[in-house]
C-alpha atoms as a PDB file:
ATOM      1  CA  MET A   1     238.149-151.976 -66.346  1.00  0.00           C
ATOM      2  CA  PRO A   2     236.245-155.020 -65.089  1.00  0.00           C
ATOM      3  CA  GLU A   3     232.718-154.508 -64.690  1.00  0.00           C
ATOM      4  CA  PRO A   4     231.295-153.590 -61.220  1.00  0.00           C
ATOM      5  CA  LEU A   5     229.850-156.649 -59.338  1.00  0.00           C
ATOM      6  CA  PHE A   6     227.502-156.677 -56.466  1.00  0.00           C
ATOM      7  CA  LEU A   7     226.613-158.949 -53.679  1.00  0.00           C
ATOM      8  CA  GLY A   8     223.476-159.108 -52.041  1.00  0.00           C
ATOM      9  CA  ILE A   9     223.156-160.907 -48.629  1.00  0.00           C
ATOM     10  CA  ASP A  10     219.469-161.623 -47.311  1.00  0.00           C
ATOM     11  CA  GLY A  11     219.471-163.021 -43.681  1.00  0.00           C
ATOM     12  CA  GLY A  12     215.759-164.158 -43.571  1.00  0.00           C
ATOM     13  CA  GLY A  13     214.207-165.776 -40.689  1.00  0.00           C
ATOM     14  CA  SER A  14     214.871-169.275 -41.704  1.00  0.00           C
ATOM     15  CA  THR A  15     217.541-169.006 -44.531  1.00  0.00           C
ATOM     16  CA  LEU A  16     220.558-167.048 -45.310  1.00  0.00           C
ATOM     17  CA  ARG A  17     220.609-166.287 -49.487  1.00  0.00           C
ATOM     18  CA  LEU A  18     223.449-164.754 -50.920  1.00  0.00           C
ATOM     19  CA  VAL A  19     224.025-163.561 -54.616  1.00  0.00           C
ATOM     20  CA  ILE A  20     226.171-162.065 -57.086  1.00  0.00           C
ATOM     21  CA  VAL A  21     225.176-159.923 -59.897  1.00  0.00           C
ATOM     22  CA  ASN A  22     226.564-157.633 -62.546  1.00  0.00           C
ATOM     23  CA  GLY A  23     225.200-154.366 -63.120  1.00  0.00           C
ATOM     24  CA  ASN A  24     222.082-155.774 -65.388  1.00  0.00           C
ATOM     25  CA  LEU A  25     221.057-157.876 -62.638  1.00  0.00           C
ATOM     26  CA  ASP A  26     222.415-160.995 -64.064  1.00  0.00           C
ATOM     27  CA  GLU A  27     223.287-163.668 -61.552  1.00  0.00           C
ATOM     28  CA  LEU A  28     226.955-164.711 -61.586  1.00  0.00           C
ATOM     29  CA  ALA A  29     226.314-167.070 -58.353  1.00  0.00           C
ATOM     30  CA  SER A  30     224.191-167.676 -55.591  1.00  0.00           C
ATOM     31  CA  LEU A  31     223.955-169.721 -52.436  1.00  0.00           C
ATOM     32  CA  SER A  32     221.241-170.722 -49.754  1.00  0.00           C
ATOM     33  CA  ALA A  33     222.143-171.588 -45.889  1.00  0.00           C
ATOM     34  CA  GLY A  34     220.466-171.990 -42.451  1.00  0.00           C
ATOM     35  CA  ALA A  35     219.059-169.330 -40.397  1.00  0.00           C
ATOM     36  CA  ALA A  36     221.078-166.144 -39.916  1.00  0.00           C
ATOM     37  CA  ASN A  37     219.265-164.282 -37.569  1.00  0.00           C
ATOM     38  CA  PRO A  38     221.541-163.181 -34.666  1.00  0.00           C
ATOM     39  CA  ASN A  39     218.210-162.999 -32.178  1.00  0.00           C
ATOM     40  CA  ILE A  40     217.651-167.068 -32.909  1.00  0.00           C
ATOM     41  CA  ILE A  41     221.044-168.607 -33.440  1.00  0.00           C
ATOM     42  CA  GLY A  42     223.265-165.719 -31.450  1.00  0.00           C
ATOM     43  CA  HIS A  43     225.469-163.042 -32.766  1.00  0.00           C
ATOM     44  CA  ASP A  44     228.792-164.925 -32.913  1.00  0.00           C
ATOM     45  CA  ALA A  45     227.047-167.620 -34.468  1.00  0.00           C
ATOM     46  CA  ALA A  46     225.265-165.033 -37.043  1.00  0.00           C
ATOM     47  CA  ARG A  47     228.347-163.613 -37.815  1.00  0.00           C
ATOM     48  CA  THR A  48     230.099-166.996 -38.627  1.00  0.00           C
ATOM     49  CA  LYS A  49     227.338-168.066 -40.616  1.00  0.00           C
ATOM     50  CA  VAL A  50     227.522-164.990 -42.935  1.00  0.00           C
ATOM     51  CA  ARG A  51     231.330-164.678 -43.199  1.00  0.00           C
ATOM     52  CA  ARG A  52     231.156-168.477 -44.349  1.00  0.00           C
ATOM     53  CA  GLY A  53     228.400-167.873 -46.579  1.00  0.00           C
ATOM     54  CA  ILE A  54     230.534-164.754 -48.529  1.00  0.00           C
ATOM     55  CA  LEU A  55     233.312-167.029 -48.979  1.00  0.00           C
ATOM     56  CA  ASP A  56     231.395-169.578 -50.404  1.00  0.00           C
ATOM     57  CA  VAL A  57     229.529-167.590 -52.751  1.00  0.00           C
ATOM     58  CA  LEU A  58     232.704-166.244 -53.909  1.00  0.00           C
ATOM     59  CA  GLU A  59     234.402-169.672 -54.240  1.00  0.00           C
ATOM     60  CA  ILE A  60     231.214-170.580 -56.456  1.00  0.00           C
ATOM     61  CA  ALA A  61     231.543-167.655 -58.803  1.00  0.00           C
ATOM     62  CA  GLY A  62     235.365-168.113 -59.147  1.00  0.00           C
ATOM     63  CA  LEU A  63     235.881-164.599 -57.501  1.00  0.00           C
ATOM     64  CA  ARG A  64     238.163-162.934 -55.136  1.00  0.00           C
ATOM     65  CA  GLU A  65     236.774-160.860 -52.377  1.00  0.00           C
ATOM     66  CA  ALA A  66     238.458-157.498 -54.109  1.00  0.00           C
ATOM     67  CA  ARG A  67     236.206-157.876 -57.015  1.00  0.00           C
ATOM     68  CA  ILE A  68     233.146-157.180 -55.184  1.00  0.00           C
ATOM     69  CA  ASN A  69     232.535-153.559 -55.683  1.00  0.00           C
ATOM     70  CA  ALA A  70     229.626-153.118 -53.153  1.00  0.00           C
ATOM     71  CA  ALA A  71     227.767-155.334 -50.830  1.00  0.00           C
ATOM     72  CA  GLY A  72     223.907-154.589 -49.722  1.00  0.00           C
ATOM     73  CA  ILE A  73     223.391-156.238 -46.274  1.00  0.00           C
ATOM     74  CA  GLY A  74     219.525-157.278 -44.788  1.00  0.00           C
ATOM     75  CA  ILE A  75     219.401-159.521 -42.032  1.00  0.00           C
ATOM     76  CA  ALA A  76     216.374-160.304 -39.996  1.00  0.00           C
ATOM     77  CA  GLY A  77     216.962-159.190 -36.292  1.00  0.00           C
ATOM     78  CA  ALA A  78     219.760-156.999 -37.152  1.00  0.00           C
ATOM     79  CA  SER A  79     218.341-154.034 -38.743  1.00  0.00           C
ATOM     80  CA  ASN A  80     220.672-151.060 -39.703  1.00  0.00           C
ATOM     81  CA  LEU A  81     218.167-148.797 -37.535  1.00  0.00           C
ATOM     82  CA  HIS A  82     219.673-150.537 -34.572  1.00  0.00           C
ATOM     83  CA  SER A  83     222.676-152.906 -35.513  1.00  0.00           C
ATOM     84  CA  GLU A  84     224.660-151.050 -38.206  1.00  0.00           C
ATOM     85  CA  PRO A  85     228.006-151.300 -36.582  1.00  0.00           C
ATOM     86  CA  TRP A  86     227.311-155.253 -35.970  1.00  0.00           C
ATOM     87  CA  LEU A  87     226.407-155.585 -39.623  1.00  0.00           C
ATOM     88  CA  ILE A  88     229.935-153.432 -40.918  1.00  0.00           C
ATOM     89  CA  GLU A  89     231.729-155.724 -38.183  1.00  0.00           C
ATOM     90  CA  THR A  90     230.143-158.710 -39.419  1.00  0.00           C
ATOM     91  CA  VAL A  91     230.903-158.384 -43.406  1.00  0.00           C
ATOM     92  CA  LYS A  92     234.268-155.834 -43.538  1.00  0.00           C
ATOM     93  CA  PRO A  93     236.592-158.435 -42.472  1.00  0.00           C
ATOM     94  CA  VAL A  94     235.735-160.715 -45.665  1.00  0.00           C
ATOM     95  CA  LEU A  95     235.378-157.972 -47.948  1.00  0.00           C
ATOM     96  CA  PRO A  96     237.456-155.114 -46.918  1.00  0.00           C
ATOM     97  CA  GLU A  97     237.666-153.416 -49.929  1.00  0.00           C
ATOM     98  CA  SER A  98     233.897-152.946 -50.956  1.00  0.00           C
ATOM     99  CA  CYS A  99     231.293-150.618 -50.465  1.00  0.00           C
ATOM    100  CA  LEU A 100     229.304-151.621 -47.844  1.00  0.00           C
ATOM    101  CA  ARG A 101     225.380-150.785 -47.355  1.00  0.00           C
ATOM    102  CA  PRO A 102     223.963-151.983 -44.110  1.00  0.00           C
ATOM    103  CA  SER A 103     220.217-152.148 -44.355  1.00  0.00           C
ATOM    104  CA  SER A 104     217.075-154.264 -42.888  1.00  0.00           C
ATOM    105  CA  ASP A 105     215.380-157.389 -44.218  1.00  0.00           C
ATOM    106  CA  LEU A 106     212.052-155.020 -44.915  1.00  0.00           C
ATOM    107  CA  GLU A 107     214.077-152.511 -46.881  1.00  0.00           C
ATOM    108  CA  ILE A 108     215.711-155.048 -49.347  1.00  0.00           C
ATOM    109  CA  ALA A 109     212.455-156.804 -49.804  1.00  0.00           C
ATOM    110  CA  LEU A 110     210.818-153.240 -50.551  1.00  0.00           C
ATOM    111  CA  ALA A 111     213.573-152.781 -53.084  1.00  0.00           C
ATOM    112  CA  GLY A 112     213.529-156.035 -54.520  1.00  0.00           C
ATOM    113  CA  ALA A 113     209.808-156.012 -54.875  1.00  0.00           C
ATOM    114  CA  LEU A 114     209.175-152.292 -56.590  1.00  0.00           C
ATOM    115  CA  ALA A 115     212.513-152.378 -58.174  1.00  0.00           C
ATOM    116  CA  GLN A 116     212.857-148.825 -56.643  1.00  0.00           C
ATOM    117  CA  ARG A 117     213.858-147.197 -53.392  1.00  0.00           C
ATOM    118  CA  HIS A 118     210.613-145.510 -52.403  1.00  0.00           C
ATOM    119  CA  GLY A 119     207.539-147.015 -51.287  1.00  0.00           C
ATOM    120  CA  ILE A 120     205.694-149.125 -48.801  1.00  0.00           C
ATOM    121  CA  LEU A 121     206.308-152.584 -48.023  1.00  0.00           C
ATOM    122  CA  LEU A 122     203.459-154.549 -45.927  1.00  0.00           C
ATOM    123  CA  LEU A 123     204.777-157.934 -44.936  1.00  0.00           C
ATOM    124  CA  ALA A 124     202.407-160.564 -43.546  1.00  0.00           C
ATOM    125  CA  GLY A 125     204.112-164.063 -42.401  1.00  0.00           C
ATOM    126  CA  THR A 126     204.542-165.426 -38.901  1.00  0.00           C
ATOM    127  CA  GLY A 127     204.851-162.279 -38.058  1.00  0.00           C
ATOM    128  CA  SER A 128     204.071-158.803 -39.506  1.00  0.00           C
ATOM    129  CA  ALA A 129     205.467-154.948 -40.242  1.00  0.00           C
ATOM    130  CA  ALA A 130     205.248-152.249 -42.575  1.00  0.00           C
ATOM    131  CA  TYR A 131     208.381-150.477 -43.716  1.00  0.00           C
ATOM    132  CA  GLY A 132     208.157-147.192 -45.749  1.00  0.00           C
ATOM    133  CA  LEU A 133     210.850-144.959 -47.604  1.00  0.00           C
ATOM    134  CA  SER A 134     210.190-141.605 -49.185  1.00  0.00           C
ATOM    135  CA  PRO A 135     211.535-139.593 -51.884  1.00  0.00           C
ATOM    136  CA  ALA A 136     212.541-137.091 -49.112  1.00  0.00           C
ATOM    137  CA  GLY A 137     214.824-139.844 -47.788  1.00  0.00           C
ATOM    138  CA  GLU A 138     212.452-140.508 -44.637  1.00  0.00           C
ATOM    139  CA  ARG A 139     212.369-144.256 -43.335  1.00  0.00           C
ATOM    140  CA  LEU A 140     209.747-145.804 -40.774  1.00  0.00           C
ATOM    141  CA  GLN A 141     208.962-148.817 -39.628  1.00  0.00           C
ATOM    142  CA  ILE A 142     205.734-149.919 -38.051  1.00  0.00           C
ATOM    143  CA  GLY A 143     205.209-153.099 -36.191  1.00  0.00           C
ATOM    144  CA  GLY A 144     207.786-155.892 -36.383  1.00  0.00           C
ATOM    145  CA  TRP A 145     207.818-156.020 -32.517  1.00  0.00           C
ATOM    146  CA  GLY A 146     207.664-159.564 -32.224  1.00  0.00           C
ATOM    147  CA  TYR A 147     204.518-161.973 -31.019  1.00  0.00           C
ATOM    148  CA  LEU A 148     204.813-160.646 -27.656  1.00  0.00           C
ATOM    149  CA  LEU A 149     204.420-157.285 -28.422  1.00  0.00           C
ATOM    150  CA  GLY A 150     202.615-156.941 -31.760  1.00  0.00           C
ATOM    151  CA  ASP A 151     202.801-158.734 -35.174  1.00  0.00           C
ATOM    152  CA  GLU A 152     198.873-157.909 -35.632  1.00  0.00           C
ATOM    153  CA  GLY A 153     197.267-159.473 -38.667  1.00  0.00           C
ATOM    154  CA  SER A 154     200.169-161.902 -39.148  1.00  0.00           C
ATOM    155  CA  SER A 155     199.904-165.806 -38.944  1.00  0.00           C
ATOM    156  CA  TYR A 156     200.650-165.904 -35.587  1.00  0.00           C
ATOM    157  CA  TRP A 157     197.944-163.233 -34.579  1.00  0.00           C
ATOM    158  CA  ILE A 158     195.399-165.411 -36.479  1.00  0.00           C
ATOM    159  CA  GLY A 159     196.234-168.477 -35.096  1.00  0.00           C
ATOM    160  CA  SER A 160     196.336-166.822 -31.457  1.00  0.00           C
ATOM    161  CA  GLN A 161     192.601-165.700 -31.960  1.00  0.00           C
ATOM    162  CA  LEU A 162     191.262-169.016 -32.962  1.00  0.00           C
ATOM    163  CA  LEU A 163     193.124-170.579 -29.994  1.00  0.00           C
ATOM    164  CA  LYS A 164     191.406-167.903 -27.710  1.00  0.00           C
ATOM    165  CA  HIS A 165     188.219-168.509 -29.242  1.00  0.00           C
ATOM    166  CA  VAL A 166     188.205-172.092 -28.627  1.00  0.00           C
ATOM    167  CA  LEU A 167     189.272-171.276 -25.237  1.00  0.00           C
ATOM    168  CA  ARG A 168     186.478-169.105 -24.382  1.00  0.00           C
ATOM    169  CA  ALA A 169     183.924-171.471 -25.755  1.00  0.00           C
ATOM    170  CA  ARG A 170     185.341-173.890 -23.778  1.00  0.00           C
ATOM    171  CA  ASP A 171     184.940-171.665 -20.593  1.00  0.00           C
ATOM    172  CA  ALA A 172     181.356-170.486 -21.950  1.00  0.00           C
ATOM    173  CA  GLY A 173     180.468-173.979 -21.972  1.00  0.00           C
ATOM    174  CA  THR A 174     179.429-173.857 -25.712  1.00  0.00           C
ATOM    175  CA  LEU A 175     182.219-175.987 -27.229  1.00  0.00           C
ATOM    176  CA  SER A 176     180.446-179.285 -27.412  1.00  0.00           C
ATOM    177  CA  ARG A 177     177.647-177.177 -29.645  1.00  0.00           C
ATOM    178  CA  GLN A 178     180.626-175.973 -31.993  1.00  0.00           C
ATOM    179  CA  THR A 179     180.570-177.530 -35.188  1.00  0.00           C
ATOM    180  CA  GLY A 180     182.585-175.137 -37.380  1.00  0.00           C
ATOM    181  CA  LEU A 181     186.174-173.456 -36.983  1.00  0.00           C
ATOM    182  CA  ALA A 182     186.692-174.033 -32.921  1.00  0.00           C
ATOM    183  CA  GLN A 183     185.852-177.925 -33.589  1.00  0.00           C
ATOM    184  CA  ALA A 184     187.793-177.864 -36.993  1.00  0.00           C
ATOM    185  CA  CYS A 185     190.714-176.304 -35.037  1.00  0.00           C
ATOM    186  CA  LEU A 186     190.748-179.307 -32.224  1.00  0.00           C
ATOM    187  CA  ASP A 187     190.347-181.867 -35.176  1.00  0.00           C
ATOM    188  CA  GLU A 188     193.240-180.426 -37.225  1.00  0.00           C
ATOM    189  CA  LEU A 189     195.361-180.891 -34.031  1.00  0.00           C
ATOM    190  CA  GLY A 190     194.095-184.397 -32.878  1.00  0.00           C
ATOM    191  CA  LEU A 191     193.097-183.053 -29.622  1.00  0.00           C
ATOM    192  CA  SER A 192     189.938-184.150 -27.976  1.00  0.00           C
ATOM    193  CA  ASP A 193     189.677-181.297 -25.545  1.00  0.00           C
ATOM    194  CA  ALA A 194     190.285-177.638 -25.488  1.00  0.00           C
ATOM    195  CA  THR A 195     192.112-177.951 -22.272  1.00  0.00           C
ATOM    196  CA  ASP A 196     194.881-179.929 -24.365  1.00  0.00           C
ATOM    197  CA  LEU A 197     195.636-176.990 -26.422  1.00  0.00           C
ATOM    198  CA  ILE A 198     197.548-175.690 -22.881  1.00  0.00           C
ATOM    199  CA  ALA A 199     200.294-178.519 -23.626  1.00  0.00           C
ATOM    200  CA  TRP A 200     200.128-178.158 -27.076  1.00  0.00           C
ATOM    201  CA  VAL A 201     201.403-174.299 -27.068  1.00  0.00           C
ATOM    202  CA  TYR A 202     203.360-174.489 -24.238  1.00  0.00           C
ATOM    203  CA  ARG A 203     205.475-177.590 -24.724  1.00  0.00           C
ATOM    204  CA  ALA A 204     209.020-177.357 -24.736  1.00  0.00           C
ATOM    205  CA  GLU A 205     210.350-178.317 -28.270  1.00  0.00           C
ATOM    206  CA  GLY A 206     209.760-175.712 -30.908  1.00  0.00           C
ATOM    207  CA  ALA A 207     208.847-172.455 -30.998  1.00  0.00           C
ATOM    208  CA  PRO A 208     205.463-171.332 -29.740  1.00  0.00           C
ATOM    209  CA  PRO A 209     204.725-168.713 -32.508  1.00  0.00           C
ATOM    210  CA  THR A 210     205.640-171.116 -35.206  1.00  0.00           C
ATOM    211  CA  ARG A 211     203.073-173.706 -34.189  1.00  0.00           C
ATOM    212  CA  VAL A 212     200.719-170.899 -33.642  1.00  0.00           C
ATOM    213  CA  ALA A 213     200.784-169.646 -36.949  1.00  0.00           C
ATOM    214  CA  SER A 214     200.590-173.049 -38.748  1.00  0.00           C
ATOM    215  CA  LEU A 215     196.571-172.517 -37.722  1.00  0.00           C
ATOM    216  CA  ALA A 216     196.295-169.748 -40.178  1.00  0.00           C
ATOM    217  CA  PRO A 217     195.942-171.902 -43.132  1.00  0.00           C
ATOM    218  CA  LEU A 218     193.023-173.451 -41.716  1.00  0.00           C
ATOM    219  CA  VAL A 219     191.304-170.168 -40.798  1.00  0.00           C
ATOM    220  CA  LEU A 220     192.074-169.363 -44.576  1.00  0.00           C
ATOM    221  CA  ASP A 221     190.386-171.890 -45.608  1.00  0.00           C
ATOM    222  CA  ARG A 222     187.585-171.730 -43.606  1.00  0.00           C
ATOM    223  CA  ALA A 223     187.113-168.341 -44.818  1.00  0.00           C
ATOM    224  CA  GLU A 224     186.703-169.462 -48.479  1.00  0.00           C
ATOM    225  CA  HIS A 225     183.577-171.745 -47.461  1.00  0.00           C
ATOM    226  CA  ASP A 226     182.059-168.846 -45.729  1.00  0.00           C
ATOM    227  CA  ASP A 227     182.674-169.517 -42.028  1.00  0.00           C
ATOM    228  CA  GLY A 228     181.562-166.588 -40.228  1.00  0.00           C
ATOM    229  CA  LEU A 229     183.976-166.885 -37.380  1.00  0.00           C
ATOM    230  CA  ALA A 230     186.924-167.640 -39.809  1.00  0.00           C
ATOM    231  CA  ILE A 231     185.978-164.606 -42.078  1.00  0.00           C
ATOM    232  CA  GLU A 232     185.614-162.260 -38.553  1.00  0.00           C
ATOM    233  CA  ILE A 233     188.987-163.169 -37.455  1.00  0.00           C
ATOM    234  CA  LEU A 234     190.584-162.370 -40.963  1.00  0.00           C
ATOM    235  CA  GLU A 235     188.602-159.041 -41.433  1.00  0.00           C
ATOM    236  CA  ARG A 236     190.238-157.919 -37.903  1.00  0.00           C
ATOM    237  CA  ALA A 237     193.576-158.901 -39.354  1.00  0.00           C
ATOM    238  CA  ALA A 238     193.087-157.205 -42.516  1.00  0.00           C
ATOM    239  CA  ALA A 239     192.083-153.870 -40.554  1.00  0.00           C
ATOM    240  CA  HIS A 240     195.304-154.128 -38.691  1.00  0.00           C
ATOM    241  CA  LEU A 241     197.180-154.525 -41.679  1.00  0.00           C
ATOM    242  CA  VAL A 242     195.700-151.814 -43.713  1.00  0.00           C
ATOM    243  CA  GLU A 243     196.205-149.600 -40.573  1.00  0.00           C
ATOM    244  CA  HIS A 244     199.879-149.766 -40.652  1.00  0.00           C
ATOM    245  CA  VAL A 245     199.927-148.916 -44.150  1.00  0.00           C
ATOM    246  CA  GLU A 246     197.775-145.662 -43.398  1.00  0.00           C
ATOM    247  CA  THR A 247     200.107-144.828 -40.529  1.00  0.00           C
ATOM    248  CA  LEU A 248     202.928-144.735 -42.823  1.00  0.00           C
ATOM    249  CA  ARG A 249     201.368-142.852 -45.537  1.00  0.00           C
ATOM    250  CA  ARG A 250     200.176-140.284 -42.891  1.00  0.00           C
ATOM    251  CA  ARG A 251     203.758-140.057 -41.196  1.00  0.00           C
ATOM    252  CA  LEU A 252     205.987-140.041 -44.264  1.00  0.00           C
ATOM    253  CA  ASN A 253     203.383-137.684 -45.954  1.00  0.00           C
ATOM    254  CA  TYR A 254     203.585-140.222 -48.969  1.00  0.00           C
ATOM    255  CA  ALA A 255     199.862-140.691 -49.813  1.00  0.00           C
ATOM    256  CA  GLY A 256     200.680-141.907 -53.244  1.00  0.00           C
ATOM    257  CA  ALA A 257     203.454-144.285 -52.199  1.00  0.00           C
ATOM    258  CA  PRO A 258     203.654-147.547 -54.570  1.00  0.00           C
ATOM    259  CA  ILE A 259     202.880-150.570 -52.233  1.00  0.00           C
ATOM    260  CA  ALA A 260     204.493-153.906 -52.185  1.00  0.00           C
ATOM    261  CA  PHE A 261     203.315-157.008 -50.314  1.00  0.00           C
ATOM    262  CA  ALA A 262     205.628-159.690 -48.646  1.00  0.00           C
ATOM    263  CA  GLY A 263     205.291-162.661 -46.596  1.00  0.00           C
ATOM    264  CA  GLY A 264     203.487-165.980 -47.139  1.00  0.00           C
ATOM    265  CA  LEU A 265     200.053-164.479 -46.025  1.00  0.00           C
ATOM    266  CA  LEU A 266     200.105-161.733 -48.505  1.00  0.00           C
ATOM    267  CA  ASP A 267     202.320-163.290 -51.289  1.00  0.00           C
ATOM    268  CA  ASN A 268     199.607-165.820 -52.171  1.00  0.00           C
ATOM    269  CA  ALA A 269     196.071-165.759 -53.246  1.00  0.00           C
ATOM    270  CA  ASN A 270     193.568-166.155 -50.435  1.00  0.00           C
ATOM    271  CA  TRP A 271     190.638-164.614 -48.716  1.00  0.00           C
ATOM    272  CA  LEU A 272     193.302-161.999 -46.443  1.00  0.00           C
ATOM    273  CA  SER A 273     195.531-161.121 -49.188  1.00  0.00           C
ATOM    274  CA  ALA A 274     192.444-160.175 -51.354  1.00  0.00           C
ATOM    275  CA  GLU A 275     190.581-158.100 -48.688  1.00  0.00           C
ATOM    276  CA  VAL A 276     193.720-155.946 -47.790  1.00  0.00           C
ATOM    277  CA  THR A 277     194.243-155.690 -51.682  1.00  0.00           C
ATOM    278  CA  ARG A 278     190.571-154.457 -51.485  1.00  0.00           C
ATOM    279  CA  ARG A 279     190.753-152.082 -48.459  1.00  0.00           C
ATOM    280  CA  LEU A 280     194.070-150.128 -50.067  1.00  0.00           C
ATOM    281  CA  GLY A 281     191.951-149.582 -53.238  1.00  0.00           C
ATOM    282  CA  LEU A 282     194.802-151.567 -55.386  1.00  0.00           C
ATOM    283  CA  PRO A 283     193.562-152.932 -58.839  1.00  0.00           C
ATOM    284  CA  GLU A 284     195.223-156.089 -58.053  1.00  0.00           C
ATOM    285  CA  ARG A 285     197.448-157.790 -55.432  1.00  0.00           C
ATOM    286  CA  PRO A 286     200.908-156.802 -55.831  1.00  0.00           C
ATOM    287  CA  SER A 287     203.613-159.165 -56.691  1.00  0.00           C
ATOM    288  CA  ALA A 288     207.339-158.662 -56.246  1.00  0.00           C
ATOM    289  CA  MET A 289     209.387-157.881 -59.389  1.00  0.00           C
ATOM    290  CA  HIS A 290     212.830-159.355 -57.615  1.00  0.00           C
ATOM    291  CA  PRO A 291     213.293-161.143 -54.290  1.00  0.00           C
ATOM    292  CA  PRO A 292     214.783-159.467 -51.319  1.00  0.00           C
ATOM    293  CA  VAL A 293     218.245-160.995 -52.210  1.00  0.00           C
ATOM    294  CA  ILE A 294     218.314-159.017 -55.598  1.00  0.00           C
ATOM    295  CA  GLY A 295     217.087-156.066 -53.642  1.00  0.00           C
ATOM    296  CA  ALA A 296     220.230-156.095 -51.297  1.00  0.00           C
ATOM    297  CA  ALA A 297     222.207-156.236 -54.396  1.00  0.00           C
ATOM    298  CA  MET A 298     220.304-152.970 -55.796  1.00  0.00           C
ATOM    299  CA  ILE A 299     220.564-151.150 -52.752  1.00  0.00           C
ATOM    300  CA  ALA A 300     224.417-151.944 -53.059  1.00  0.00           C
ATOM    301  CA  LYS A 301     224.575-150.720 -56.696  1.00  0.00           C
ATOM    302  CA  TRP A 302     222.471-147.386 -55.692  1.00  0.00           C
ATOM    303  CA  GLU A 303     224.636-146.959 -52.959  1.00  0.00           C
ATOM    304  CA  LEU A 304     228.040-147.500 -55.101  1.00  0.00           C
ATOM    305  CA  SER A 305     226.607-145.203 -57.601  1.00  0.00           C
ATOM    306  CA  ALA A 306     226.023-142.313 -54.827  1.00  0.00           C
ATOM    307  CA  ALA A 307     229.401-142.715 -53.586  1.00  0.00           C
ATOM    308  CA  THR A 308     231.065-142.647 -56.918  1.00  0.00           C
ATOM    309  CA  GLY A 309     228.665-140.043 -58.785  1.00  0.00           C
ATOM    310  CA  SER A 310     228.447-142.512 -61.564  1.00  0.00           C
END
């Protein structure tokens, strides 16, 4: 009997990744393509993109679809909490004989990072969210509601706090005396006046959240140089992120949950990731054992094992 093979599908915010692995997680084929988030490119375009990606990675591996025993699916903007039928409908036509496990981008990141089912994932990149899965099988997401409704502690949130400070300083008539982070913000953007920020934020081309989030590295850099405002912003960001984790620990009754980090702000060593690590009482900043796409394949493997009792 041929060895079982598993497909991981990771539809991140900007990149679709697919991987085929065996039971030992040895990679047989992989592929990356453009964004597959249905909230960004539309559900029809996302469906087409995912199906094309599956067929292409099968071709790379020299496999027929029937050789895939199970597939794990995690796509940003299409969590199984609210979009499970769409996920099944998207994948089933190209993998009709496979065991399918709809998931979410947060759950596959958790599985990959910890190489186990249970724990808490804290994500902070352009947006922010926390996701937990307890040994009792309870799942809960905190945050992740987008820049208009949440994303506290994210790169977007940090950038927006900086912009608000610049405009408040302008209104108070103190901007001309600012020599720290506020002026550094204008210099970074090549703007001569705070009011120019309005056109910079709201111009038609490009997504405002991405532009605003691009200011977070400036705040991180200034914090390393003991800028008081930068440190104040990042302390509040850390407080929001840690609150997400504490809420999950409490609501899941999972005080000893292992913690995983994800997203550009926490995956890298910087002032914020160090502060969040310290506030959570962790001995060091967590690093992921596997990427989310492997996490999706692991979830597929676990699902097949549960379905077959093997």
